[in-house]
């Protein structure tokens, strides 16, 4: 009878102590894990570089649109070469921009959160497939699959829910058995 009482007390104690377990178990979520890819090695897509023809005076023209097709007004457009910013401007009310003084070469253009690589060709040297301007679709700051934050996020953790459920079951059983063994 005393063994049963000790066992029930141990179960109740373990269930109560289990409420602290999720904070330690969650620390495991931040440990680096190896990334497994379903893409075979060497099969990753190559970076796309778009050929664009520069106008007279090395002018690059383009437009920045949102994903829904509306112009991205007053959006900064930056041009970098070898990691160094070589030009910057802002879009107008139609999302259009123009930058003068560029020379042929490979550049990174960024507008908002979008980035792309472009091979700019001096006037009269571009291949037939080169575009006459740049169209950039500005990505929004979208984050998918986020967990709720704060207390609600903590309470929705499966470990916390399981611990609360086991405590809600074990404590009344232990108290009932303790009362039954006392009488």
N, C-alpha and C. Protein backbone atom coordinates (compact mmCIF):
# COMPACT_ATOMS: atom_id res chain seq x y z
N UNK A 1 0.83 -1.19 0.00
CA UNK A 1 0.00 0.00 0.00
C UNK A 1 0.88 1.25 0.00
N UNK A 2 1.95 1.24 0.79
CA UNK A 2 2.85 2.39 0.85
C UNK A 2 3.59 2.53 -0.48
N UNK A 3 3.88 1.40 -1.13
CA UNK A 3 4.57 1.45 -2.41
C UNK A 3 3.69 2.13 -3.45
N UNK A 4 2.39 1.80 -3.42
CA UNK A 4 1.46 2.42 -4.36
C UNK A 4 1.37 3.92 -4.12
N UNK A 5 1.37 4.31 -2.85
CA UNK A 5 1.30 5.73 -2.51
C UNK A 5 2.55 6.46 -3.00
N UNK A 6 3.72 5.85 -2.81
CA UNK A 6 4.97 6.46 -3.28
C UNK A 6 5.00 6.54 -4.81
N UNK A 7 4.48 5.49 -5.43
CA UNK A 7 4.44 5.49 -6.89
C UNK A 7 3.54 6.62 -7.41
N UNK A 8 2.36 6.77 -6.81
CA UNK A 8 1.44 7.83 -7.23
C UNK A 8 2.03 9.20 -6.98
N UNK A 9 2.70 9.38 -5.86
CA UNK A 9 3.36 10.66 -5.57
C UNK A 9 4.48 10.93 -6.57
N UNK A 10 5.21 9.88 -6.94
CA UNK A 10 6.30 10.05 -7.92
C UNK A 10 5.73 10.44 -9.29
N UNK A 11 4.61 9.83 -9.67
CA UNK A 11 3.99 10.17 -10.95
C UNK A 11 3.49 11.61 -10.93
N UNK A 12 2.87 12.03 -9.85
CA UNK A 12 2.39 13.40 -9.74
C UNK A 12 3.56 14.38 -9.75
N UNK A 13 4.65 14.04 -9.02
CA UNK A 13 5.83 14.90 -9.00
C UNK A 13 6.44 15.00 -10.40
N UNK A 14 6.56 13.88 -11.11
CA UNK A 14 7.14 13.88 -12.45
C UNK A 14 6.27 14.68 -13.42
N UNK A 15 4.93 14.57 -13.27
CA UNK A 15 4.04 15.33 -14.16
C UNK A 15 4.19 16.83 -13.90
N UNK A 16 4.31 17.21 -12.65
CA UNK A 16 4.49 18.63 -12.33
C UNK A 16 5.85 19.13 -12.82
N UNK A 17 6.89 18.34 -12.63
CA UNK A 17 8.22 18.74 -13.08
C UNK A 17 8.29 18.75 -14.60
N UNK A 18 7.46 17.97 -15.24
CA UNK A 18 7.44 17.93 -16.70
C UNK A 18 7.02 19.25 -17.31
N UNK A 19 6.38 20.09 -16.52
CA UNK A 19 6.00 21.40 -17.05
C UNK A 19 7.22 22.25 -17.38
N UNK A 20 8.37 21.93 -16.76
CA UNK A 20 9.59 22.67 -17.06
C UNK A 20 10.34 22.08 -18.25
N UNK A 21 10.00 20.88 -18.64
CA UNK A 21 10.69 20.20 -19.73
C UNK A 21 10.61 20.93 -21.06
N UNK A 22 9.49 21.49 -21.46
CA UNK A 22 9.43 22.12 -22.78
C UNK A 22 10.46 23.21 -23.00
N UNK A 23 10.78 23.98 -21.97
CA UNK A 23 11.77 25.03 -22.18
C UNK A 23 13.13 24.44 -22.52
N UNK A 24 13.45 23.29 -21.96
CA UNK A 24 14.71 22.64 -22.29
C UNK A 24 14.61 21.91 -23.63
N UNK A 25 13.47 21.31 -23.88
CA UNK A 25 13.29 20.58 -25.14
C UNK A 25 13.31 21.54 -26.32
N UNK A 26 12.82 22.74 -26.13
CA UNK A 26 12.80 23.71 -27.22
C UNK A 26 14.19 24.20 -27.56
N UNK A 27 15.12 24.15 -26.63
CA UNK A 27 16.49 24.57 -26.92
C UNK A 27 17.08 23.70 -28.01
N UNK A 28 16.60 22.47 -28.13
CA UNK A 28 17.06 21.57 -29.18
C UNK A 28 16.69 22.08 -30.57
N UNK A 29 15.62 22.90 -30.66
CA UNK A 29 15.19 23.42 -31.95
C UNK A 29 16.23 24.36 -32.55
N UNK A 30 17.10 24.94 -31.74
CA UNK A 30 18.06 25.91 -32.23
C UNK A 30 19.42 25.29 -32.56
N UNK A 31 19.55 23.99 -32.36
CA UNK A 31 20.80 23.32 -32.67
C UNK A 31 20.91 23.16 -34.18
N UNK A 32 22.07 23.45 -34.77
CA UNK A 32 22.20 23.30 -36.22
C UNK A 32 22.00 21.86 -36.63
N UNK A 33 21.29 21.69 -37.70
CA UNK A 33 21.04 20.35 -38.24
C UNK A 33 21.50 20.32 -39.68
N UNK A 34 21.96 19.17 -40.16
CA UNK A 34 22.37 19.10 -41.55
C UNK A 34 21.18 19.28 -42.47
N UNK A 35 21.41 19.97 -43.57
CA UNK A 35 20.35 20.22 -44.55
C UNK A 35 20.40 19.10 -45.58
N UNK A 36 19.26 18.49 -45.80
CA UNK A 36 19.18 17.45 -46.81
C UNK A 36 18.42 18.00 -48.00
N UNK A 37 18.97 17.82 -49.16
CA UNK A 37 18.36 18.32 -50.37
C UNK A 37 17.89 17.16 -51.23
N UNK A 38 16.73 17.34 -51.86
CA UNK A 38 16.23 16.32 -52.76
C UNK A 38 16.81 16.50 -54.16
N UNK A 39 17.55 17.60 -54.36
CA UNK A 39 18.16 17.87 -55.66
C UNK A 39 19.53 17.21 -55.68
N UNK A 40 19.81 16.36 -56.68
CA UNK A 40 21.13 15.72 -56.72
C UNK A 40 22.24 16.74 -56.92
N UNK A 41 23.42 16.42 -56.41
CA UNK A 41 24.56 17.33 -56.52
C UNK A 41 24.85 17.60 -57.99
N UNK A 42 25.14 18.85 -58.29
CA UNK A 42 25.45 19.24 -59.66
C UNK A 42 24.22 19.55 -60.48
N UNK A 43 23.02 19.34 -59.92
CA UNK A 43 21.81 19.59 -60.68
C UNK A 43 21.14 20.90 -60.28
N UNK A 44 21.81 21.70 -59.46
CA UNK A 44 21.22 22.97 -59.06
C UNK A 44 21.16 23.91 -60.26
N UNK A 45 20.09 24.68 -60.37
CA UNK A 45 20.00 25.57 -61.52
C UNK A 45 21.07 26.66 -61.48
N UNK A 46 21.58 27.00 -62.64
CA UNK A 46 22.58 28.05 -62.73
C UNK A 46 21.93 29.41 -62.50
N UNK A 47 22.71 30.37 -62.03
CA UNK A 47 22.21 31.72 -61.84
C UNK A 47 21.88 32.31 -63.21
N UNK A 48 20.72 32.90 -63.31
CA UNK A 48 20.30 33.49 -64.57
C UNK A 48 20.85 34.90 -64.70
N UNK A 49 21.50 35.17 -65.81
CA UNK A 49 21.98 36.51 -66.12
C UNK A 49 21.23 36.97 -67.35
N UNK A 50 20.57 38.11 -67.24
CA UNK A 50 19.77 38.64 -68.33
C UNK A 50 20.58 39.67 -69.11
N UNK A 51 20.58 39.55 -70.44
CA UNK A 51 21.26 40.50 -71.31
C UNK A 51 20.36 41.72 -71.53
N UNK A 52 20.93 42.91 -71.31
CA UNK A 52 20.18 44.16 -71.48
C UNK A 52 21.03 45.14 -72.28
N UNK A 53 20.41 45.78 -73.26
CA UNK A 53 21.10 46.77 -74.08
C UNK A 53 21.01 48.14 -73.41
N UNK A 54 22.15 48.80 -73.29
CA UNK A 54 22.17 50.17 -72.78
C UNK A 54 21.85 51.13 -73.91
N UNK A 55 21.24 52.24 -73.59
CA UNK A 55 20.96 53.27 -74.58
C UNK A 55 22.16 54.19 -74.74
N UNK A 56 21.92 55.28 -75.44
CA UNK A 56 22.97 56.28 -75.62
C UNK A 56 23.40 56.82 -74.26
N UNK A 57 24.65 57.18 -74.13
CA UNK A 57 25.23 57.68 -72.87
C UNK A 57 25.19 56.63 -71.76
N UNK A 58 25.14 55.35 -72.12
CA UNK A 58 25.13 54.29 -71.11
C UNK A 58 23.89 54.32 -70.25
N UNK A 59 22.73 54.64 -70.86
CA UNK A 59 21.50 54.76 -70.08
C UNK A 59 20.81 53.41 -69.94
N UNK A 60 20.54 53.05 -68.70
CA UNK A 60 19.76 51.85 -68.38
C UNK A 60 18.37 52.31 -67.99
N UNK A 61 17.35 51.79 -68.64
CA UNK A 61 15.97 52.12 -68.30
C UNK A 61 15.28 50.86 -67.82
N UNK A 62 14.27 51.05 -66.96
CA UNK A 62 13.55 49.90 -66.45
C UNK A 62 12.31 50.32 -65.69
N UNK A 63 11.62 49.31 -65.21
CA UNK A 63 10.40 49.53 -64.43
C UNK A 63 10.37 48.52 -63.30
N UNK A 64 9.86 48.96 -62.16
CA UNK A 64 9.70 48.10 -60.99
C UNK A 64 8.20 47.99 -60.70
N UNK A 65 7.72 46.76 -60.67
CA UNK A 65 6.31 46.50 -60.39
C UNK A 65 6.18 45.60 -59.17
N UNK A 66 5.04 45.69 -58.50
CA UNK A 66 4.72 44.75 -57.43
C UNK A 66 4.24 43.46 -58.07
N UNK A 67 4.15 42.40 -57.30
CA UNK A 67 3.74 41.10 -57.83
C UNK A 67 2.35 41.16 -58.45
N UNK A 68 1.49 42.06 -57.98
CA UNK A 68 0.13 42.18 -58.52
C UNK A 68 0.10 43.03 -59.79
N UNK A 69 1.24 43.60 -60.19
CA UNK A 69 1.31 44.37 -61.42
C UNK A 69 1.24 45.88 -61.24
N UNK A 70 1.04 46.37 -60.03
CA UNK A 70 1.01 47.82 -59.81
C UNK A 70 2.43 48.36 -59.76
N UNK A 71 2.61 49.61 -60.20
CA UNK A 71 3.96 50.22 -60.15
C UNK A 71 4.44 50.36 -58.71
N UNK A 72 5.72 50.09 -58.50
CA UNK A 72 6.34 50.28 -57.19
C UNK A 72 6.86 51.72 -57.15
N UNK A 73 6.10 52.59 -56.55
CA UNK A 73 6.40 54.03 -56.53
C UNK A 73 7.44 54.32 -55.44
N UNK A 74 8.37 55.23 -55.74
CA UNK A 74 9.40 55.66 -54.79
C UNK A 74 10.18 54.48 -54.20
N UNK A 75 10.52 53.54 -55.03
CA UNK A 75 11.31 52.38 -54.61
C UNK A 75 12.77 52.62 -54.97
N UNK A 76 13.69 52.41 -54.03
CA UNK A 76 15.10 52.60 -54.37
C UNK A 76 15.59 51.49 -55.31
N UNK A 77 16.35 51.89 -56.32
CA UNK A 77 16.96 50.96 -57.26
C UNK A 77 18.47 51.17 -57.15
N UNK A 78 19.20 50.09 -56.85
CA UNK A 78 20.64 50.18 -56.70
C UNK A 78 21.33 49.29 -57.73
N UNK A 79 22.43 49.78 -58.26
CA UNK A 79 23.23 49.05 -59.23
C UNK A 79 24.59 48.80 -58.59
N UNK A 80 24.99 47.52 -58.52
CA UNK A 80 26.28 47.16 -57.91
C UNK A 80 27.09 46.37 -58.93
N UNK A 81 28.39 46.56 -58.84
CA UNK A 81 29.31 45.76 -59.63
C UNK A 81 30.44 45.33 -58.72
N UNK A 82 30.69 44.03 -58.67
CA UNK A 82 31.72 43.47 -57.79
C UNK A 82 31.49 43.86 -56.33
N UNK A 83 30.22 43.91 -55.92
CA UNK A 83 29.87 44.22 -54.54
C UNK A 83 29.93 45.70 -54.19
N UNK A 84 30.27 46.56 -55.14
CA UNK A 84 30.39 48.00 -54.88
C UNK A 84 29.25 48.72 -55.59
N UNK A 85 28.58 49.61 -54.85
CA UNK A 85 27.49 50.36 -55.46
C UNK A 85 28.04 51.37 -56.45
N UNK A 86 27.55 51.30 -57.70
CA UNK A 86 28.03 52.22 -58.73
C UNK A 86 26.98 53.26 -59.12
N UNK A 87 25.72 52.99 -58.82
CA UNK A 87 24.66 53.95 -59.12
C UNK A 87 23.43 53.62 -58.29
N UNK A 88 22.61 54.64 -58.08
CA UNK A 88 21.36 54.44 -57.34
C UNK A 88 20.36 55.50 -57.80
N UNK A 89 19.10 55.16 -57.75
CA UNK A 89 18.04 56.09 -58.10
C UNK A 89 16.75 55.61 -57.44
N UNK A 90 15.66 56.34 -57.70
CA UNK A 90 14.34 56.00 -57.17
C UNK A 90 13.37 55.89 -58.34
N UNK A 91 12.34 55.07 -58.18
CA UNK A 91 11.33 54.97 -59.23
C UNK A 91 10.38 56.15 -59.16
N UNK A 92 9.74 56.44 -60.30
CA UNK A 92 8.78 57.55 -60.35
C UNK A 92 7.37 57.02 -60.08
N UNK A 93 6.36 57.81 -60.41
CA UNK A 93 4.97 57.44 -60.12
C UNK A 93 4.48 56.26 -60.95
N UNK A 94 5.19 55.91 -62.02
CA UNK A 94 4.82 54.75 -62.85
C UNK A 94 5.73 53.56 -62.59
N UNK A 95 6.63 53.70 -61.63
CA UNK A 95 7.57 52.63 -61.33
C UNK A 95 8.77 52.63 -62.25
N UNK A 96 8.90 53.64 -63.12
CA UNK A 96 10.00 53.71 -64.08
C UNK A 96 11.24 54.30 -63.43
N UNK A 97 12.40 53.91 -63.96
CA UNK A 97 13.66 54.50 -63.52
C UNK A 97 14.62 54.57 -64.71
N UNK A 98 15.61 55.44 -64.63
CA UNK A 98 16.65 55.57 -65.64
C UNK A 98 17.95 55.94 -64.95
N UNK A 99 19.02 55.28 -65.38
CA UNK A 99 20.35 55.55 -64.81
C UNK A 99 21.30 55.76 -65.99
N UNK A 100 22.03 56.87 -65.96
CA UNK A 100 22.99 57.20 -67.03
C UNK A 100 24.42 56.88 -66.58
N UNK A 101 25.27 56.73 -67.58
CA UNK A 101 26.70 56.62 -67.31
C UNK A 101 27.20 55.23 -67.01
N UNK A 102 26.43 54.20 -67.32
CA UNK A 102 26.89 52.84 -67.08
C UNK A 102 27.66 52.34 -68.30
N UNK A 103 28.60 51.44 -68.06
CA UNK A 103 29.35 50.82 -69.14
C UNK A 103 28.97 49.35 -69.21
N UNK A 104 29.33 48.70 -70.28
CA UNK A 104 29.05 47.28 -70.42
C UNK A 104 29.70 46.47 -69.32
N UNK A 105 29.05 45.40 -68.90
CA UNK A 105 29.57 44.53 -67.85
C UNK A 105 28.45 43.85 -67.11
N UNK A 106 28.80 43.04 -66.13
CA UNK A 106 27.81 42.32 -65.33
C UNK A 106 27.55 43.13 -64.06
N UNK A 107 26.26 43.38 -63.79
CA UNK A 107 25.85 44.19 -62.65
C UNK A 107 24.75 43.46 -61.89
N UNK A 108 24.66 43.79 -60.61
CA UNK A 108 23.53 43.33 -59.80
C UNK A 108 22.60 44.51 -59.61
N UNK A 109 21.34 44.33 -59.95
CA UNK A 109 20.33 45.36 -59.73
C UNK A 109 19.45 44.89 -58.59
N UNK A 110 19.13 45.80 -57.69
CA UNK A 110 18.21 45.48 -56.61
C UNK A 110 17.19 46.59 -56.48
N UNK A 111 15.96 46.17 -56.26
CA UNK A 111 14.86 47.10 -56.04
C UNK A 111 14.00 46.49 -54.96
N UNK A 112 13.88 47.17 -53.84
CA UNK A 112 13.14 46.60 -52.72
C UNK A 112 13.86 45.36 -52.23
N UNK A 113 13.16 44.24 -52.21
CA UNK A 113 13.75 42.98 -51.75
C UNK A 113 14.18 42.09 -52.91
N UNK A 114 14.05 42.56 -54.14
CA UNK A 114 14.39 41.77 -55.32
C UNK A 114 15.80 42.08 -55.79
N UNK A 115 16.48 41.04 -56.24
CA UNK A 115 17.84 41.17 -56.75
C UNK A 115 17.94 40.36 -58.03
N UNK A 116 18.77 40.83 -58.94
CA UNK A 116 18.99 40.08 -60.17
C UNK A 116 20.31 40.45 -60.79
N UNK A 117 20.85 39.52 -61.61
CA UNK A 117 22.10 39.76 -62.31
C UNK A 117 21.79 40.09 -63.76
N UNK A 118 22.46 41.13 -64.25
CA UNK A 118 22.22 41.60 -65.61
C UNK A 118 23.56 41.86 -66.30
N UNK A 119 23.67 41.41 -67.55
CA UNK A 119 24.83 41.73 -68.37
C UNK A 119 24.43 42.90 -69.25
N UNK A 120 25.00 44.05 -68.96
CA UNK A 120 24.68 45.26 -69.71
C UNK A 120 25.63 45.38 -70.89
N UNK A 121 25.06 45.70 -72.05
CA UNK A 121 25.83 45.83 -73.27
C UNK A 121 25.83 47.29 -73.72
N UNK A 122 26.98 47.77 -74.11
CA UNK A 122 27.06 49.13 -74.64
C UNK A 122 26.24 49.22 -75.92
N UNK A 123 25.80 50.42 -76.25
CA UNK A 123 24.97 50.64 -77.44
C UNK A 123 25.66 50.07 -78.68
N UNK A 124 24.89 49.41 -79.52
CA UNK A 124 25.34 48.83 -80.79
C UNK A 124 26.23 47.60 -80.63
N UNK A 125 26.40 47.07 -79.42
CA UNK A 125 27.22 45.87 -79.24
C UNK A 125 26.41 44.70 -78.69
N UNK A 126 25.14 44.91 -78.40
CA UNK A 126 24.32 43.89 -77.74
C UNK A 126 23.97 42.76 -78.72
N UNK A 127 23.75 41.56 -78.19
CA UNK A 127 23.29 40.46 -79.03
C UNK A 127 21.81 40.67 -79.38
N UNK A 128 21.31 40.00 -80.40
CA UNK A 128 19.91 40.19 -80.80
C UNK A 128 18.90 39.84 -79.70
N UNK A 129 19.27 38.96 -78.79
CA UNK A 129 18.34 38.54 -77.74
C UNK A 129 18.29 39.50 -76.55
N UNK A 130 19.13 40.52 -76.54
CA UNK A 130 19.18 41.45 -75.40
C UNK A 130 17.90 42.26 -75.31
N UNK A 131 17.46 42.48 -74.09
CA UNK A 131 16.27 43.29 -73.84
C UNK A 131 16.63 44.77 -73.91
N UNK A 132 15.64 45.61 -74.16
CA UNK A 132 15.87 47.05 -74.25
C UNK A 132 15.73 47.74 -72.90
N UNK A 133 15.25 47.04 -71.91
CA UNK A 133 15.08 47.60 -70.58
C UNK A 133 14.96 46.49 -69.56
N UNK A 134 14.86 46.87 -68.32
CA UNK A 134 14.80 45.92 -67.21
C UNK A 134 13.40 45.98 -66.59
N UNK A 135 12.83 44.82 -66.31
CA UNK A 135 11.57 44.74 -65.56
C UNK A 135 11.86 43.97 -64.28
N UNK A 136 11.67 44.64 -63.15
CA UNK A 136 11.93 44.02 -61.85
C UNK A 136 10.62 43.90 -61.11
N UNK A 137 10.33 42.70 -60.64
CA UNK A 137 9.14 42.48 -59.82
C UNK A 137 9.59 42.52 -58.37
N UNK A 138 9.15 43.55 -57.66
CA UNK A 138 9.55 43.74 -56.27
C UNK A 138 8.80 42.76 -55.39
N UNK A 139 9.54 41.99 -54.65
CA UNK A 139 8.93 41.03 -53.74
C UNK A 139 8.51 41.76 -52.47
N UNK A 140 7.43 41.28 -51.88
CA UNK A 140 7.00 41.84 -50.60
C UNK A 140 7.69 41.10 -49.47
N UNK A 141 7.64 41.66 -48.30
CA UNK A 141 8.22 41.00 -47.13
C UNK A 141 7.22 39.98 -46.63
N UNK A 142 7.26 38.80 -47.20
CA UNK A 142 6.32 37.75 -46.86
C UNK A 142 7.06 36.63 -46.16
N UNK A 143 6.59 36.26 -45.01
CA UNK A 143 7.18 35.15 -44.29
C UNK A 143 6.09 34.12 -44.04
N UNK A 144 6.32 32.93 -44.54
CA UNK A 144 5.31 31.87 -44.39
C UNK A 144 5.75 30.90 -43.31
N UNK A 145 4.77 30.28 -42.70
CA UNK A 145 5.05 29.23 -41.73
C UNK A 145 5.57 29.73 -40.41
N UNK A 146 5.25 30.95 -40.05
CA UNK A 146 5.71 31.45 -38.78
C UNK A 146 4.86 30.88 -37.65
N UNK A 147 5.51 30.64 -36.54
CA UNK A 147 4.80 30.19 -35.35
C UNK A 147 4.30 31.41 -34.61
N UNK A 148 3.20 31.26 -33.89
CA UNK A 148 2.76 32.38 -33.05
C UNK A 148 3.85 32.70 -32.03
N UNK A 149 3.99 33.94 -31.69
CA UNK A 149 5.02 34.35 -30.75
C UNK A 149 4.40 34.66 -29.40
N UNK A 150 5.26 34.78 -28.42
CA UNK A 150 4.81 35.14 -27.08
C UNK A 150 4.23 33.95 -26.35
N UNK A 151 3.35 34.26 -25.40
CA UNK A 151 2.76 33.22 -24.55
C UNK A 151 1.92 32.24 -25.37
N UNK A 152 1.18 32.75 -26.34
CA UNK A 152 0.36 31.87 -27.16
C UNK A 152 1.22 30.85 -27.90
N UNK A 153 2.35 31.28 -28.44
CA UNK A 153 3.26 30.36 -29.13
C UNK A 153 3.80 29.31 -28.19
N UNK A 154 4.11 29.70 -26.95
CA UNK A 154 4.62 28.75 -25.96
C UNK A 154 3.54 27.75 -25.58
N UNK A 155 2.31 28.24 -25.38
CA UNK A 155 1.23 27.35 -24.96
C UNK A 155 0.79 26.40 -26.06
N UNK A 156 1.07 26.75 -27.33
CA UNK A 156 0.69 25.88 -28.43
C UNK A 156 1.76 24.82 -28.73
N UNK A 157 2.85 24.84 -27.99
CA UNK A 157 3.89 23.85 -28.14
C UNK A 157 3.34 22.48 -27.75
N UNK A 158 3.51 21.44 -28.56
CA UNK A 158 2.98 20.12 -28.22
C UNK A 158 3.49 19.57 -26.90
N UNK A 159 4.75 19.91 -26.55
CA UNK A 159 5.27 19.44 -25.27
C UNK A 159 4.51 20.07 -24.10
N UNK A 160 4.20 21.33 -24.21
CA UNK A 160 3.46 22.01 -23.14
C UNK A 160 2.05 21.44 -23.03
N UNK A 161 1.40 21.22 -24.16
CA UNK A 161 0.04 20.66 -24.14
C UNK A 161 0.04 19.25 -23.55
N UNK A 162 1.00 18.42 -23.93
CA UNK A 162 1.07 17.05 -23.41
C UNK A 162 1.35 17.05 -21.91
N UNK A 163 2.24 17.95 -21.48
CA UNK A 163 2.55 18.03 -20.05
C UNK A 163 1.34 18.50 -19.25
N UNK A 164 0.64 19.49 -19.75
CA UNK A 164 -0.56 19.98 -19.05
C UNK A 164 -1.63 18.89 -18.98
N UNK A 165 -1.81 18.14 -20.06
CA UNK A 165 -2.82 17.08 -20.07
C UNK A 165 -2.43 15.97 -19.10
N UNK A 166 -1.15 15.57 -19.10
CA UNK A 166 -0.74 14.50 -18.18
C UNK A 166 -0.81 14.96 -16.73
N UNK A 167 -0.53 16.21 -16.47
CA UNK A 167 -0.64 16.74 -15.10
C UNK A 167 -2.10 16.77 -14.67
N UNK A 168 -2.98 17.19 -15.57
CA UNK A 168 -4.41 17.25 -15.25
C UNK A 168 -4.97 15.86 -14.95
N UNK A 169 -4.36 14.83 -15.52
CA UNK A 169 -4.83 13.46 -15.25
C UNK A 169 -4.15 12.88 -14.01
N UNK A 170 -2.83 13.06 -13.89
CA UNK A 170 -2.07 12.40 -12.84
C UNK A 170 -2.32 12.97 -11.44
N UNK A 171 -2.45 14.28 -11.33
CA UNK A 171 -2.61 14.88 -10.00
C UNK A 171 -3.92 14.44 -9.33
N UNK A 172 -5.08 14.50 -10.00
CA UNK A 172 -6.29 14.02 -9.33
C UNK A 172 -6.22 12.53 -8.96
N UNK A 173 -5.60 11.73 -9.81
CA UNK A 173 -5.47 10.30 -9.49
C UNK A 173 -4.62 10.13 -8.25
N UNK A 174 -3.51 10.84 -8.18
CA UNK A 174 -2.62 10.73 -7.02
C UNK A 174 -3.33 11.21 -5.75
N UNK A 175 -4.08 12.30 -5.84
CA UNK A 175 -4.79 12.80 -4.66
C UNK A 175 -5.89 11.84 -4.23
N UNK A 176 -6.60 11.26 -5.20
CA UNK A 176 -7.65 10.30 -4.87
C UNK A 176 -7.06 9.06 -4.22
N UNK A 177 -5.96 8.56 -4.75
CA UNK A 177 -5.32 7.38 -4.17
C UNK A 177 -4.75 7.69 -2.80
N UNK A 178 -4.27 8.90 -2.59
CA UNK A 178 -3.74 9.28 -1.28
C UNK A 178 -4.85 9.29 -0.24
N UNK A 179 -6.02 9.83 -0.62
CA UNK A 179 -7.17 9.87 0.31
C UNK A 179 -7.66 8.45 0.60
N UNK A 180 -7.67 7.59 -0.42
CA UNK A 180 -8.16 6.23 -0.26
C UNK A 180 -7.23 5.43 0.63
N UNK A 181 -5.92 5.68 0.55
CA UNK A 181 -4.99 4.93 1.37
C UNK A 181 -4.97 5.44 2.82
N UNK A 182 -5.39 6.69 3.03
CA UNK A 182 -5.43 7.26 4.38
C UNK A 182 -6.58 6.70 5.18
N UNK A 183 -7.68 6.33 4.50
CA UNK A 183 -8.84 5.89 5.26
C UNK A 183 -8.89 4.41 5.48
